[in-house]
PDB file of all heavy atoms in Angstrom:
ATOM      1  N   LYS A   1     103.853  88.010 152.703  1.00  0.00           N
ATOM      2  CA  LYS A   1     104.763  89.130 152.472  1.00  0.00           C
ATOM      3  C   LYS A   1     106.183  88.623 152.212  1.00  0.00           C
ATOM      4  O   LYS A   1     106.889  89.139 151.351  1.00  0.00           O
ATOM      5  CB  LYS A   1     104.764  90.069 153.674  1.00  0.00           C
ATOM      6  CG  LYS A   1     103.542  90.934 153.782  1.00  0.00           C
ATOM      7  CD  LYS A   1     103.632  91.862 154.971  1.00  0.00           C
ATOM      8  CE  LYS A   1     102.404  92.719 155.111  1.00  0.00           C
ATOM      9  NZ  LYS A   1     102.474  93.601 156.291  1.00  0.00           N
ATOM     10  N   GLN A   2     106.603  87.614 152.957  1.00  0.00           N
ATOM     11  CA  GLN A   2     107.944  87.066 152.751  1.00  0.00           C
ATOM     12  C   GLN A   2     108.058  86.429 151.370  1.00  0.00           C
ATOM     13  O   GLN A   2     109.062  86.610 150.683  1.00  0.00           O
ATOM     14  CB  GLN A   2     108.266  86.041 153.835  1.00  0.00           C
ATOM     15  CG  GLN A   2     108.482  86.664 155.198  1.00  0.00           C
ATOM     16  CD  GLN A   2     108.692  85.629 156.283  1.00  0.00           C
ATOM     17  OE1 GLN A   2     108.629  84.434 156.030  1.00  0.00           O
ATOM     18  NE2 GLN A   2     108.929  86.092 157.495  1.00  0.00           N
ATOM     19  N   ASP A   3     107.043  85.698 150.966  1.00  0.00           N
ATOM     20  CA  ASP A   3     107.059  85.094 149.634  1.00  0.00           C
ATOM     21  C   ASP A   3     107.072  86.170 148.553  1.00  0.00           C
ATOM     22  O   ASP A   3     107.753  86.023 147.541  1.00  0.00           O
ATOM     23  CB  ASP A   3     105.853  84.174 149.437  1.00  0.00           C
ATOM     24  CG  ASP A   3     105.984  82.873 150.207  1.00  0.00           C
ATOM     25  OD1 ASP A   3     107.118  82.538 150.604  1.00  0.00           O
ATOM     26  OD2 ASP A   3     104.960  82.203 150.405  1.00  0.00           O
ATOM     27  N   TYR A   4     106.349  87.243 148.763  1.00  0.00           N
ATOM     28  CA  TYR A   4     106.334  88.330 147.784  1.00  0.00           C
ATOM     29  C   TYR A   4     107.725  88.946 147.664  1.00  0.00           C
ATOM     30  O   TYR A   4     108.207  89.207 146.574  1.00  0.00           O
ATOM     31  CB  TYR A   4     105.313  89.394 148.181  1.00  0.00           C
ATOM     32  CG  TYR A   4     105.350  90.609 147.294  1.00  0.00           C
ATOM     33  CD1 TYR A   4     104.858  90.550 146.000  1.00  0.00           C
ATOM     34  CD2 TYR A   4     105.907  91.802 147.737  1.00  0.00           C
ATOM     35  CE1 TYR A   4     104.897  91.654 145.167  1.00  0.00           C
ATOM     36  CE2 TYR A   4     105.943  92.911 146.918  1.00  0.00           C
ATOM     37  CZ  TYR A   4     105.442  92.827 145.633  1.00  0.00           C
ATOM     38  OH  TYR A   4     105.490  93.923 144.816  1.00  0.00           O
ATOM     39  N   LYS A   5     108.385  89.134 148.794  1.00  0.00           N
ATOM     40  CA  LYS A   5     109.726  89.709 148.758  1.00  0.00           C
ATOM     41  C   LYS A   5     110.689  88.790 148.020  1.00  0.00           C
ATOM     42  O   LYS A   5     111.531  89.239 147.259  1.00  0.00           O
ATOM     43  CB  LYS A   5     110.230  89.974 150.177  1.00  0.00           C
ATOM     44  CG  LYS A   5     109.539  91.137 150.857  1.00  0.00           C
ATOM     45  CD  LYS A   5     110.056  91.341 152.258  1.00  0.00           C
ATOM     46  CE  LYS A   5     109.312  92.458 152.959  1.00  0.00           C
ATOM     47  NZ  LYS A   5     109.746  92.617 154.348  1.00  0.00           N
ATOM     48  N   LYS A   6     110.580  87.508 148.239  1.00  0.00           N
ATOM     49  CA  LYS A   6     111.459  86.570 147.557  1.00  0.00           C
ATOM     50  C   LYS A   6     111.220  86.607 146.051  1.00  0.00           C
ATOM     51  O   LYS A   6     112.151  86.671 145.271  1.00  0.00           O
ATOM     52  CB  LYS A   6     111.245  85.152 148.080  1.00  0.00           C
ATOM     53  CG  LYS A   6     111.775  84.914 149.460  1.00  0.00           C
ATOM     54  CD  LYS A   6     111.494  83.499 149.904  1.00  0.00           C
ATOM     55  CE  LYS A   6     111.894  83.284 151.342  1.00  0.00           C
ATOM     56  NZ  LYS A   6     111.534  81.946 151.822  1.00  0.00           N
ATOM     57  N   THR A   7     109.980  86.577 145.659  1.00  0.00           N
ATOM     58  CA  THR A   7     109.696  86.566 144.235  1.00  0.00           C
ATOM     59  C   THR A   7     110.055  87.910 143.607  1.00  0.00           C
ATOM     60  O   THR A   7     110.502  87.951 142.472  1.00  0.00           O
ATOM     61  CB  THR A   7     108.216  86.244 143.970  1.00  0.00           C
ATOM     62  OG1 THR A   7     107.393  87.199 144.645  1.00  0.00           O
ATOM     63  CG2 THR A   7     107.869  84.850 144.426  1.00  0.00           C
ATOM     64  N   LYS A   8     109.910  88.997 144.353  1.00  0.00           N
ATOM     65  CA  LYS A   8     110.256  90.303 143.825  1.00  0.00           C
ATOM     66  C   LYS A   8     111.763  90.388 143.564  1.00  0.00           C
ATOM     67  O   LYS A   8     112.190  90.857 142.514  1.00  0.00           O
ATOM     68  CB  LYS A   8     109.822  91.398 144.796  1.00  0.00           C
ATOM     69  CG  LYS A   8     109.993  92.796 144.274  1.00  0.00           C
ATOM     70  CD  LYS A   8     109.453  93.816 145.260  1.00  0.00           C
ATOM     71  CE  LYS A   8     109.602  95.224 144.737  1.00  0.00           C
ATOM     72  NZ  LYS A   8     109.094  96.213 145.694  1.00  0.00           N
ATOM     73  N   SER A   9     112.566  89.898 144.491  1.00  0.00           N
ATOM     74  CA  SER A   9     114.018  89.933 144.289  1.00  0.00           C
ATOM     75  C   SER A   9     114.428  88.973 143.174  1.00  0.00           C
ATOM     76  O   SER A   9     115.341  89.268 142.397  1.00  0.00           O
ATOM     77  CB  SER A   9     114.752  89.587 145.577  1.00  0.00           C
ATOM     78  OG  SER A   9     114.450  88.259 145.982  1.00  0.00           O
ATOM     79  N   ALA A  10     113.749  87.837 143.103  1.00  0.00           N
ATOM     80  CA  ALA A  10     114.054  86.886 142.031  1.00  0.00           C
ATOM     81  C   ALA A  10     113.693  87.481 140.677  1.00  0.00           C
ATOM     82  O   ALA A  10     114.439  87.328 139.707  1.00  0.00           O
ATOM     83  CB  ALA A  10     113.305  85.576 142.254  1.00  0.00           C
ATOM     84  N   LEU A  11     112.577  88.182 140.615  1.00  0.00           N
ATOM     85  CA  LEU A  11     112.181  88.835 139.365  1.00  0.00           C
ATOM     86  C   LEU A  11     113.163  89.938 138.989  1.00  0.00           C
ATOM     87  O   LEU A  11     113.494  90.108 137.814  1.00  0.00           O
ATOM     88  CB  LEU A  11     110.765  89.418 139.486  1.00  0.00           C
ATOM     89  CG  LEU A  11     109.625  88.408 139.530  1.00  0.00           C
ATOM     90  CD1 LEU A  11     108.305  89.125 139.795  1.00  0.00           C
ATOM     91  CD2 LEU A  11     109.555  87.639 138.231  1.00  0.00           C
ATOM     92  N   LYS A  12     113.638  90.661 139.994  1.00  0.00           N
ATOM     93  CA  LYS A  12     114.606  91.723 139.724  1.00  0.00           C
ATOM     94  C   LYS A  12     115.905  91.134 139.186  1.00  0.00           C
ATOM     95  O   LYS A  12     116.482  91.656 138.229  1.00  0.00           O
ATOM     96  CB  LYS A  12     114.879  92.518 140.998  1.00  0.00           C
ATOM     97  CG  LYS A  12     115.760  93.711 140.793  1.00  0.00           C
ATOM     98  CD  LYS A  12     115.910  94.504 142.069  1.00  0.00           C
ATOM     99  CE  LYS A  12     116.797  95.716 141.868  1.00  0.00           C
ATOM    100  NZ  LYS A  12     116.944  96.494 143.106  1.00  0.00           N
ATOM    101  N   ALA A  13     116.367  90.035 139.780  1.00  0.00           N
ATOM    102  CA  ALA A  13     117.589  89.383 139.310  1.00  0.00           C
ATOM    103  C   ALA A  13     117.406  88.858 137.890  1.00  0.00           C
ATOM    104  O   ALA A  13     118.304  88.983 137.047  1.00  0.00           O
ATOM    105  CB  ALA A  13     117.970  88.245 140.251  1.00  0.00           C
ATOM    106  N   THR A  14     116.257  88.288 137.618  1.00  0.00           N
ATOM    107  CA  THR A  14     115.975  87.776 136.277  1.00  0.00           C
ATOM    108  C   THR A  14     115.932  88.918 135.265  1.00  0.00           C
ATOM    109  O   THR A  14     116.464  88.794 134.159  1.00  0.00           O
ATOM    110  CB  THR A  14     114.632  87.031 136.265  1.00  0.00           C
ATOM    111  OG1 THR A  14     114.660  86.018 137.270  1.00  0.00           O
ATOM    112  CG2 THR A  14     114.360  86.407 134.918  1.00  0.00           C
ATOM    113  N   ARG A  15     115.333  90.030 135.647  1.00  0.00           N
ATOM    114  CA  ARG A  15     115.263  91.186 134.745  1.00  0.00           C
ATOM    115  C   ARG A  15     116.655  91.744 134.455  1.00  0.00           C
ATOM    116  O   ARG A  15     116.985  92.055 133.303  1.00  0.00           O
ATOM    117  CB  ARG A  15     114.385  92.272 135.356  1.00  0.00           C
ATOM    118  CG  ARG A  15     114.096  93.404 134.372  1.00  0.00           C
ATOM    119  CD  ARG A  15     113.383  94.573 135.013  1.00  0.00           C
ATOM    120  NE  ARG A  15     114.387  95.357 135.714  1.00  0.00           N
ATOM    121  CZ  ARG A  15     114.273  95.809 136.956  1.00  0.00           C
ATOM    122  NH1 ARG A  15     113.192  95.568 137.655  1.00  0.00           N
ATOM    123  NH2 ARG A  15     115.228  96.505 137.521  1.00  0.00           N
ATOM    124  N   LEU A  16     117.490  91.850 135.491  1.00  0.00           N
ATOM    125  CA  LEU A  16     118.848  92.356 135.287  1.00  0.00           C
ATOM    126  C   LEU A  16     119.659  91.420 134.393  1.00  0.00           C
ATOM    127  O   LEU A  16     120.427  91.870 133.538  1.00  0.00           O
ATOM    128  CB  LEU A  16     119.540  92.537 136.640  1.00  0.00           C
ATOM    129  CG  LEU A  16     119.006  93.676 137.506  1.00  0.00           C
ATOM    130  CD1 LEU A  16     119.676  93.662 138.869  1.00  0.00           C
ATOM    131  CD2 LEU A  16     119.205  95.013 136.817  1.00  0.00           C
ATOM    132  N   LYS A  17     119.471  90.131 134.573  1.00  0.00           N
ATOM    133  CA  LYS A  17     120.191  89.156 133.744  1.00  0.00           C
ATOM    134  C   LYS A  17     119.740  89.270 132.288  1.00  0.00           C
ATOM    135  O   LYS A  17     120.548  89.205 131.367  1.00  0.00           O
ATOM    136  CB  LYS A  17     119.940  87.742 134.263  1.00  0.00           C
ATOM    137  CG  LYS A  17     120.806  86.686 133.615  1.00  0.00           C
ATOM    138  CD  LYS A  17     120.481  85.302 134.149  1.00  0.00           C
ATOM    139  CE  LYS A  17     121.051  85.111 135.523  1.00  0.00           C
ATOM    140  NZ  LYS A  17     120.884  83.723 136.000  1.00  0.00           N
ATOM    141  N   ALA A  18     118.448  89.454 132.075  1.00  0.00           N
ATOM    142  CA  ALA A  18     117.928  89.584 130.718  1.00  0.00           C
ATOM    143  C   ALA A  18     118.437  90.862 130.058  1.00  0.00           C
ATOM    144  O   ALA A  18     118.784  90.869 128.876  1.00  0.00           O
ATOM    145  CB  ALA A  18     116.404  89.565 130.732  1.00  0.00           C
ATOM    146  N   GLU A  19     118.499  91.955 130.817  1.00  0.00           N
ATOM    147  CA  GLU A  19     119.008  93.206 130.267  1.00  0.00           C
ATOM    148  C   GLU A  19     120.484  93.084 129.912  1.00  0.00           C
ATOM    149  O   GLU A  19     120.930  93.604 128.890  1.00  0.00           O
ATOM    150  CB  GLU A  19     118.794  94.348 131.250  1.00  0.00           C
ATOM    151  CG  GLU A  19     117.352  94.806 131.365  1.00  0.00           C
ATOM    152  CD  GLU A  19     117.177  95.885 132.416  1.00  0.00           C
ATOM    153  OE1 GLU A  19     118.178  96.290 133.046  1.00  0.00           O
ATOM    154  OE2 GLU A  19     116.033  96.310 132.614  1.00  0.00           O
ATOM    155  N   ALA A  20     121.255  92.413 130.752  1.00  0.00           N
ATOM    156  CA  ALA A  20     122.674  92.218 130.463  1.00  0.00           C
ATOM    157  C   ALA A  20     122.855  91.383 129.206  1.00  0.00           C
ATOM    158  O   ALA A  20     123.721  91.659 128.377  1.00  0.00           O
ATOM    159  CB  ALA A  20     123.359  91.557 131.652  1.00  0.00           C
ATOM    160  N   LYS A  21     122.023  90.378 129.046  1.00  0.00           N
ATOM    161  CA  LYS A  21     122.120  89.531 127.866  1.00  0.00           C
ATOM    162  C   LYS A  21     121.739  90.318 126.617  1.00  0.00           C
ATOM    163  O   LYS A  21     122.373  90.194 125.572  1.00  0.00           O
ATOM    164  CB  LYS A  21     121.210  88.322 128.025  1.00  0.00           C
ATOM    165  CG  LYS A  21     121.318  87.314 126.909  1.00  0.00           C
ATOM    166  CD  LYS A  21     120.453  86.102 127.171  1.00  0.00           C
ATOM    167  CE  LYS A  21     120.578  85.096 126.057  1.00  0.00           C
ATOM    168  NZ  LYS A  21     119.707  83.948 126.263  1.00  0.00           N
ATOM    169  N   LYS A  22     120.719  91.143 126.722  1.00  0.00           N
ATOM    170  CA  LYS A  22     120.276  91.932 125.574  1.00  0.00           C
ATOM    171  C   LYS A  22     121.358  92.921 125.158  1.00  0.00           C
ATOM    172  O   LYS A  22     121.641  93.083 123.975  1.00  0.00           O
ATOM    173  CB  LYS A  22     118.993  92.687 125.912  1.00  0.00           C
ATOM    174  CG  LYS A  22     118.430  93.489 124.749  1.00  0.00           C
ATOM    175  CD  LYS A  22     117.227  94.304 125.164  1.00  0.00           C
ATOM    176  CE  LYS A  22     115.980  93.475 125.129  1.00  0.00           C
ATOM    177  NZ  LYS A  22     114.772  94.287 125.343  1.00  0.00           N
ATOM    178  N   SER A  23     121.992  93.593 126.106  1.00  0.00           N
ATOM    179  CA  SER A  23     123.021  94.573 125.759  1.00  0.00           C
ATOM    180  C   SER A  23     124.268  93.890 125.224  1.00  0.00           C
ATOM    181  O   SER A  23     124.934  94.407 124.332  1.00  0.00           O
ATOM    182  CB  SER A  23     123.380  95.438 126.967  1.00  0.00           C
ATOM    183  OG  SER A  23     123.992  94.651 127.969  1.00  0.00           O
ATOM    184  N   SER A  24     124.617  92.720 125.725  1.00  0.00           N
ATOM    185  CA  SER A  24     125.796  92.023 125.214  1.00  0.00           C
ATOM    186  C   SER A  24     125.542  91.514 123.802  1.00  0.00           C
ATOM    187  O   SER A  24     126.464  91.418 123.001  1.00  0.00           O
ATOM    188  CB  SER A  24     126.176  90.860 126.129  1.00  0.00           C
ATOM    189  OG  SER A  24     125.203  89.839 126.072  1.00  0.00           O
ATOM    190  N   THR A  25     124.309  91.199 123.483  1.00  0.00           N
ATOM    191  CA  THR A  25     123.971  90.766 122.129  1.00  0.00           C
ATOM    192  C   THR A  25     124.226  91.895 121.141  1.00  0.00           C
ATOM    193  O   THR A  25     124.702  91.650 120.039  1.00  0.00           O
ATOM    194  CB  THR A  25     122.494  90.334 122.062  1.00  0.00           C
ATOM    195  OG1 THR A  25     122.289  89.298 123.010  1.00  0.00           O
ATOM    196  CG2 THR A  25     122.126  89.819 120.689  1.00  0.00           C
ATOM    197  N   GLY A  26     123.960  93.122 121.520  1.00  0.00           N
ATOM    198  CA  GLY A  26     124.225  94.267 120.668  1.00  0.00           C
ATOM    199  C   GLY A  26     125.709  94.410 120.372  1.00  0.00           C
ATOM    200  O   GLY A  26     126.108  94.666 119.236  1.00  0.00           O
ATOM    201  N   PHE A  27     126.539  94.226 121.384  1.00  0.00           N
ATOM    202  CA  PHE A  27     127.982  94.301 121.180  1.00  0.00           C
ATOM    203  C   PHE A  27     128.457  93.163 120.288  1.00  0.00           C
ATOM    204  O   PHE A  27     129.320  93.351 119.434  1.00  0.00           O
ATOM    205  CB  PHE A  27     128.728  94.252 122.520  1.00  0.00           C
ATOM    206  CG  PHE A  27     128.540  95.489 123.351  1.00  0.00           C
ATOM    207  CD1 PHE A  27     128.052  95.391 124.646  1.00  0.00           C
ATOM    208  CD2 PHE A  27     128.854  96.737 122.855  1.00  0.00           C
ATOM    209  CE1 PHE A  27     127.889  96.516 125.416  1.00  0.00           C
ATOM    210  CE2 PHE A  27     128.685  97.875 123.613  1.00  0.00           C
ATOM    211  CZ  PHE A  27     128.203  97.764 124.902  1.00  0.00           C
ATOM    212  N   ARG A  28     127.913  91.987 120.496  1.00  0.00           N
ATOM    213  CA  ARG A  28     128.321  90.832 119.697  1.00  0.00           C
ATOM    214  C   ARG A  28     127.935  91.034 118.233  1.00  0.00           C
ATOM    215  O   ARG A  28     128.728  90.745 117.328  1.00  0.00           O
ATOM    216  CB  ARG A  28     127.676  89.562 120.248  1.00  0.00           C
ATOM    217  CG  ARG A  28     128.190  88.304 119.566  1.00  0.00           C
ATOM    218  CD  ARG A  28     127.568  87.071 120.140  1.00  0.00           C
ATOM    219  NE  ARG A  28     126.153  87.086 119.809  1.00  0.00           N
ATOM    220  CZ  ARG A  28     125.247  86.334 120.386  1.00  0.00           C
ATOM    221  NH1 ARG A  28     125.600  85.511 121.344  1.00  0.00           N
ATOM    222  NH2 ARG A  28     123.988  86.392 120.034  1.00  0.00           N
ATOM    223  N   ASP A  29     126.733  91.563 117.992  1.00  0.00           N
ATOM    224  CA  ASP A  29     126.298  91.813 116.621  1.00  0.00           C
ATOM    225  C   ASP A  29     127.182  92.863 115.957  1.00  0.00           C
ATOM    226  O   ASP A  29     127.569  92.711 114.798  1.00  0.00           O
ATOM    227  CB  ASP A  29     124.838  92.260 116.597  1.00  0.00           C
ATOM    228  CG  ASP A  29     123.882  91.137 116.945  1.00  0.00           C
ATOM    229  OD1 ASP A  29     124.309  89.965 116.906  1.00  0.00           O
ATOM    230  OD2 ASP A  29     122.708  91.439 117.251  1.00  0.00           O
ATOM    231  N   ALA A  30     127.514  93.909 116.687  1.00  0.00           N
ATOM    232  CA  ALA A  30     128.378  94.947 116.129  1.00  0.00           C
ATOM    233  C   ALA A  30     129.756  94.379 115.817  1.00  0.00           C
ATOM    234  O   ALA A  30     130.340  94.683 114.770  1.00  0.00           O
ATOM    235  CB  ALA A  30     128.493  96.109 117.103  1.00  0.00           C
ATOM    236  N   PHE A  31     130.267  93.551 116.690  1.00  0.00           N
ATOM    237  CA  PHE A  31     131.573  92.927 116.463  1.00  0.00           C
ATOM    238  C   PHE A  31     131.536  92.038 115.223  1.00  0.00           C
ATOM    239  O   PHE A  31     132.479  92.037 114.424  1.00  0.00           O
ATOM    240  CB  PHE A  31     131.991  92.109 117.688  1.00  0.00           C
ATOM    241  CG  PHE A  31     133.275  91.358 117.484  1.00  0.00           C
ATOM    242  CD1 PHE A  31     134.485  92.019 117.483  1.00  0.00           C
ATOM    243  CD2 PHE A  31     133.264  89.990 117.270  1.00  0.00           C
ATOM    244  CE1 PHE A  31     135.675  91.342 117.284  1.00  0.00           C
ATOM    245  CE2 PHE A  31     134.438  89.298 117.072  1.00  0.00           C
ATOM    246  CZ  PHE A  31     135.646  89.974 117.077  1.00  0.00           C
ATOM    247  N   LEU A  32     130.471  91.278 115.045  1.00  0.00           N
ATOM    248  CA  LEU A  32     130.362  90.414 113.874  1.00  0.00           C
ATOM    249  C   LEU A  32     130.288  91.215 112.579  1.00  0.00           C
ATOM    250  O   LEU A  32     130.889  90.819 111.560  1.00  0.00           O
ATOM    251  CB  LEU A  32     129.135  89.505 113.995  1.00  0.00           C
ATOM    252  CG  LEU A  32     129.237  88.384 115.032  1.00  0.00           C
ATOM    253  CD1 LEU A  32     127.917  87.645 115.141  1.00  0.00           C
ATOM    254  CD2 LEU A  32     130.354  87.431 114.668  1.00  0.00           C
ATOM    255  N   VAL A  33     129.602  92.337 112.592  1.00  0.00           N
ATOM    256  CA  VAL A  33     129.515  93.176 111.394  1.00  0.00           C
ATOM    257  C   VAL A  33     130.888  93.752 111.058  1.00  0.00           C
ATOM    258  O   VAL A  33     131.320  93.718 109.899  1.00  0.00           O
ATOM    259  CB  VAL A  33     128.472  94.307 111.598  1.00  0.00           C
ATOM    260  CG1 VAL A  33     128.574  95.347 110.499  1.00  0.00           C
ATOM    261  CG2 VAL A  33     127.079  93.727 111.671  1.00  0.00           C
ATOM    262  N   VAL A  34     131.591  94.253 112.054  1.00  0.00           N
ATOM    263  CA  VAL A  34     132.930  94.806 111.821  1.00  0.00           C
ATOM    264  C   VAL A  34     133.872  93.715 111.333  1.00  0.00           C
ATOM    265  O   VAL A  34     134.667  93.934 110.407  1.00  0.00           O
ATOM    266  CB  VAL A  34     133.468  95.480 113.104  1.00  0.00           C
ATOM    267  CG1 VAL A  34     134.939  95.832 112.968  1.00  0.00           C
ATOM    268  CG2 VAL A  34     132.643  96.717 113.429  1.00  0.00           C
ATOM    269  N   ALA A  35     133.798  92.522 111.916  1.00  0.00           N
ATOM    270  CA  ALA A  35     134.649  91.415 111.485  1.00  0.00           C
ATOM    271  C   ALA A  35     134.350  91.019 110.039  1.00  0.00           C
ATOM    272  O   ALA A  35     135.274  90.734 109.261  1.00  0.00           O
ATOM    273  CB  ALA A  35     134.455  90.220 112.413  1.00  0.00           C
ATOM    274  N   ALA A  36     133.092  91.014 109.647  1.00  0.00           N
ATOM    275  CA  ALA A  36     132.721  90.671 108.272  1.00  0.00           C
ATOM    276  C   ALA A  36     133.258  91.709 107.288  1.00  0.00           C
ATOM    277  O   ALA A  36     133.771  91.364 106.216  1.00  0.00           O
ATOM    278  CB  ALA A  36     131.209  90.550 108.147  1.00  0.00           C
ATOM    279  N   ILE A  37     133.168  92.974 107.641  1.00  0.00           N
ATOM    280  CA  ILE A  37     133.690  94.032 106.772  1.00  0.00           C
ATOM    281  C   ILE A  37     135.199  93.915 106.640  1.00  0.00           C
ATOM    282  O   ILE A  37     135.751  94.025 105.532  1.00  0.00           O
ATOM    283  CB  ILE A  37     133.269  95.424 107.299  1.00  0.00           C
ATOM    284  CG1 ILE A  37     131.758  95.603 107.151  1.00  0.00           C
ATOM    285  CG2 ILE A  37     134.019  96.538 106.583  1.00  0.00           C
ATOM    286  CD1 ILE A  37     131.207  96.834 107.834  1.00  0.00           C
ATOM    287  N   LEU A  38     135.890  93.689 107.753  1.00  0.00           N
ATOM    288  CA  LEU A  38     137.347  93.525 107.698  1.00  0.00           C
ATOM    289  C   LEU A  38     137.741  92.312 106.865  1.00  0.00           C
ATOM    290  O   LEU A  38     138.714  92.363 106.108  1.00  0.00           O
ATOM    291  CB  LEU A  38     137.921  93.419 109.104  1.00  0.00           C
ATOM    292  CG  LEU A  38     137.926  94.717 109.912  1.00  0.00           C
ATOM    293  CD1 LEU A  38     138.421  94.449 111.324  1.00  0.00           C
ATOM    294  CD2 LEU A  38     138.792  95.767 109.236  1.00  0.00           C
ATOM    295  N   PHE A  39     137.016  91.240 106.978  1.00  0.00           N
ATOM    296  CA  PHE A  39     137.303  90.042 106.191  1.00  0.00           C
ATOM    297  C   PHE A  39     137.129  90.329 104.694  1.00  0.00           C
ATOM    298  O   PHE A  39     137.947  89.923 103.878  1.00  0.00           O
ATOM    299  CB  PHE A  39     136.389  88.886 106.624  1.00  0.00           C
ATOM    300  CG  PHE A  39     136.628  87.620 105.858  1.00  0.00           C
ATOM    301  CD1 PHE A  39     137.752  86.853 106.095  1.00  0.00           C
ATOM    302  CD2 PHE A  39     135.720  87.197 104.896  1.00  0.00           C
ATOM    303  CE1 PHE A  39     137.981  85.690 105.387  1.00  0.00           C
ATOM    304  CE2 PHE A  39     135.935  86.045 104.174  1.00  0.00           C
ATOM    305  CZ  PHE A  39     137.068  85.281 104.426  1.00  0.00           C
ATOM    306  N   PHE A  40     136.074  91.050 104.343  1.00  0.00           N
ATOM    307  CA  PHE A  40     135.833  91.411 102.944  1.00  0.00           C
ATOM    308  C   PHE A  40     136.965  92.290 102.408  1.00  0.00           C
ATOM    309  O   PHE A  40     137.476  92.065 101.306  1.00  0.00           O
ATOM    310  CB  PHE A  40     134.486  92.129 102.808  1.00  0.00           C
ATOM    311  CG  PHE A  40     134.192  92.606 101.426  1.00  0.00           C
ATOM    312  CD1 PHE A  40     133.835  91.700 100.438  1.00  0.00           C
ATOM    313  CD2 PHE A  40     134.279  93.955 101.103  1.00  0.00           C
ATOM    314  CE1 PHE A  40     133.564  92.131  99.153  1.00  0.00           C
ATOM    315  CE2 PHE A  40     134.016  94.388  99.820  1.00  0.00           C
ATOM    316  CZ  PHE A  40     133.656  93.469  98.842  1.00  0.00           C
ATOM    317  N   VAL A  41     137.377  93.287 103.188  1.00  0.00           N
ATOM    318  CA  VAL A  41     138.469  94.169 102.770  1.00  0.00           C
ATOM    319  C   VAL A  41     139.754  93.368 102.627  1.00  0.00           C
ATOM    320  O   VAL A  41     140.525  93.569 101.673  1.00  0.00           O
ATOM    321  CB  VAL A  41     138.632  95.336 103.765  1.00  0.00           C
ATOM    322  CG1 VAL A  41     139.915  96.111 103.516  1.00  0.00           C
ATOM    323  CG2 VAL A  41     137.425  96.258 103.690  1.00  0.00           C
ATOM    324  N   LEU A  42     140.016  92.445 103.513  1.00  0.00           N
ATOM    325  CA  LEU A  42     141.209  91.604 103.440  1.00  0.00           C
ATOM    326  C   LEU A  42     141.196  90.738 102.182  1.00  0.00           C
ATOM    327  O   LEU A  42     142.227  90.581 101.516  1.00  0.00           O
ATOM    328  CB  LEU A  42     141.313  90.717 104.687  1.00  0.00           C
ATOM    329  CG  LEU A  42     142.521  89.801 104.749  1.00  0.00           C
ATOM    330  CD1 LEU A  42     143.794  90.609 104.910  1.00  0.00           C
ATOM    331  CD2 LEU A  42     142.370  88.815 105.882  1.00  0.00           C
ATOM    332  N   CYS A  43     140.038  90.195 101.845  1.00  0.00           N
ATOM    333  CA  CYS A  43     139.928  89.383 100.626  1.00  0.00           C
ATOM    334  C   CYS A  43     140.192  90.219  99.375  1.00  0.00           C
ATOM    335  O   CYS A  43     140.905  89.776  98.461  1.00  0.00           O
ATOM    336  CB  CYS A  43     138.550  88.735 100.536  1.00  0.00           C
ATOM    337  SG  CYS A  43     138.298  87.416 101.730  1.00  0.00           S
ATOM    338  N   VAL A  44     139.641  91.428  99.322  1.00  0.00           N
ATOM    339  CA  VAL A  44     139.869  92.316  98.179  1.00  0.00           C
ATOM    340  C   VAL A  44     141.350  92.680  98.098  1.00  0.00           C
ATOM    341  O   VAL A  44     141.958  92.656  97.018  1.00  0.00           O
ATOM    342  CB  VAL A  44     138.980  93.580  98.274  1.00  0.00           C
ATOM    343  CG1 VAL A  44     139.375  94.621  97.241  1.00  0.00           C
ATOM    344  CG2 VAL A  44     137.520  93.197  98.131  1.00  0.00           C
TER     345      VAL A  44
END
């Protein structure tokens, strides 16, 4: 039971870290798209 609790909390921490990484990737992608559009407008 103790080992199960440890692995359960470790799995929860790993899942939260993965979700945070996935959501930050969305922001980074959106930022890159906006930066590319601004760069294109600046060049024109």
